[in-house]
Protein backbone atom coordinates (compact mmCIF):
# COMPACT_ATOMS: atom_id res chain seq x y z
CA LEU A 1 163.04 186.03 76.64
CA VAL A 2 163.75 185.49 72.94
CA PRO A 3 167.42 186.22 72.06
CA ASN A 4 167.97 189.40 69.78
CA GLN A 5 164.36 190.43 70.18
CA PRO A 6 162.60 193.03 72.41
CA ILE A 7 162.02 191.98 75.99
CA ASP A 8 158.29 192.39 75.67
CA LEU A 9 158.01 190.10 72.79
CA ILE A 10 155.65 187.01 73.26
CA LEU A 11 155.61 184.12 70.89
CA GLU A 12 152.48 181.97 71.08
CA GLN A 13 152.74 178.59 69.49
CA GLY A 14 149.29 176.83 69.19
CA ILE A 15 148.32 173.72 67.48
CA TRP A 16 147.09 175.53 64.35
CA ASP A 17 148.92 178.78 64.31
CA MET A 18 151.94 180.67 65.56
CA CYS A 19 151.63 184.34 66.68
CA ARG A 20 153.91 187.04 67.78
CA GLU A 21 152.98 189.89 69.92
CA GLN A 22 154.62 192.86 71.61
CA GLN A 23 153.09 193.79 75.00
CA SER A 24 153.86 197.51 74.82
CA ASN A 25 151.80 198.25 71.87
CA HIS A 26 149.60 195.02 71.43
CA ASP A 27 150.71 194.57 67.82
CA ARG A 28 149.89 190.86 67.09
CA LEU A 29 150.87 189.19 63.92
CA CYS A 30 149.77 185.54 63.33
CA GLY A 31 150.52 183.17 60.58
CA GLN A 32 154.15 183.19 61.41
CA ALA A 33 156.64 180.93 59.61
CA ASP A 34 157.54 177.62 61.44
CA GLU A 35 161.30 177.81 61.25
CA LEU A 36 161.95 175.43 63.99
CA GLY A 37 159.64 172.43 62.66
CA TYR A 38 157.18 173.10 65.60
CA PHE A 39 154.10 171.61 63.73
CA GLU A 40 156.10 168.56 62.82
CA GLN A 41 156.79 167.53 66.41
CA VAL A 42 154.70 164.40 67.68
CA PRO A 43 152.89 166.05 70.65
CA VAL A 44 151.48 168.85 68.23
CA ARG A 45 150.49 166.51 65.56
CA VAL A 46 148.71 164.27 68.15
CA ALA A 47 146.95 167.30 69.55
CA ARG A 48 145.92 168.36 65.91
CA GLY A 49 144.31 164.86 65.67
CA LEU A 50 142.65 164.81 69.05
CA MET A 51 140.78 168.05 68.46
CA PRO A 52 138.62 167.05 65.44
CA THR A 53 138.31 163.58 67.07
CA SER A 54 137.08 164.95 70.39
CA LEU A 55 134.50 167.24 68.19
CA VAL A 56 133.29 164.13 66.43
CA LEU A 57 132.88 162.08 69.70
CA THR A 58 131.04 165.10 71.25
CA LEU A 59 128.72 165.14 68.34
CA LEU A 60 128.17 161.47 68.51
CA GLY A 61 127.59 161.86 72.40
CA LEU A 62 124.89 164.39 71.77
CA VAL A 63 123.15 162.23 69.08
CA VAL A 64 123.08 159.29 71.55
CA ALA A 65 121.94 161.59 74.37
CA ALA A 66 119.07 162.92 72.14
CA LEU A 67 117.98 159.47 71.17
CA GLY A 68 118.34 158.48 74.94
CA VAL A 69 115.81 161.31 76.01
CA ARG A 70 112.86 159.10 74.62
CA CYS A 71 113.85 156.41 77.11
CA TRP A 72 113.27 158.69 80.01
CA GLN A 73 110.44 157.95 82.65
CA LYS A 74 107.57 160.02 83.23
CA GLU A 75 108.60 160.72 86.83
CA PRO A 76 112.39 161.11 87.60
CA ARG A 77 114.09 158.74 90.03
CA HIS A 78 115.80 161.06 92.48
CA LEU A 79 119.07 160.24 94.30
CA TRP A 80 117.28 159.68 97.51
CA ALA A 81 115.09 156.94 95.94
CA LEU A 82 118.18 154.61 95.80
CA PRO A 83 118.07 151.54 97.98
CA ALA A 84 119.88 151.89 101.28
CA PRO A 85 119.76 150.21 104.83
CA ALA A 86 117.00 151.58 106.98
CA GLY A 87 117.87 154.47 109.11
CA SER A 88 120.80 155.37 107.00
CA THR A 89 121.20 158.66 104.96
CA LEU A 90 122.65 159.24 101.54
CA VAL A 91 125.02 162.00 100.66
CA VAL A 92 126.48 163.18 97.34
CA GLY A 93 130.06 161.78 96.83
CA TYR A 94 133.08 163.67 95.65
CA SER A 95 133.11 162.05 92.29
CA LEU A 96 129.66 163.46 91.57
CA VAL A 97 130.72 166.90 92.73
CA LEU A 98 133.89 166.75 90.72
CA SER A 99 132.19 165.64 87.64
CA TYR A 100 129.69 168.47 87.98
CA LEU A 101 132.61 171.04 88.33
CA GLY A 102 134.34 169.48 85.43
CA SER A 103 131.31 169.78 83.27
CA CYS A 104 131.00 173.35 84.24
CA LEU A 105 134.60 174.03 83.44
CA GLU A 106 134.14 172.32 80.03
CA ILE A 107 131.11 174.58 79.29
CA LEU A 108 133.09 177.62 80.25
CA GLY A 109 136.16 176.54 78.16
CA GLY A 110 133.72 176.15 75.15
CA LEU A 111 132.28 179.50 75.73
CA ALA A 112 135.79 180.93 75.70
CA LEU A 113 136.69 179.08 72.41
CA ALA A 114 133.40 180.43 70.95
CA LEU A 115 134.22 184.04 72.16
CA SER A 116 137.81 183.69 70.83
CA PHE A 117 136.44 183.37 67.33
CA HIS A 118 135.31 186.85 67.40
CA HIS A 119 138.93 188.16 67.48
CA CYS A 120 139.62 185.90 64.46
CA CYS A 121 136.44 187.37 62.71
CA LYS A 122 137.39 190.86 63.30
CA GLU A 123 140.49 190.41 61.47
């Protein structure tokens, strides 16, 4: 609820742009003036710095991974080939499952970000 504004008004404050939208007619206007000094706040400035930093680190990780591909063995070493006491069984731990789910969510987030560019390019 924004005082002295329609009840269906939504103000979106991102790290790069500010938009206002009315839900009743889906009229969206971006590039709003920063009257409150939102972009000067420390958390927003830190988030702005972390975004390109994460992209650079991801690119660096891809380069390192691409170079590391040459170090692969001809035959993969499966999880069940790990040393364990005789008669015991190996199971996948929660950390492996959570890291797999985290990577899936990261890929979905990247796809969502890529698809959001369609909206910007349409304007």
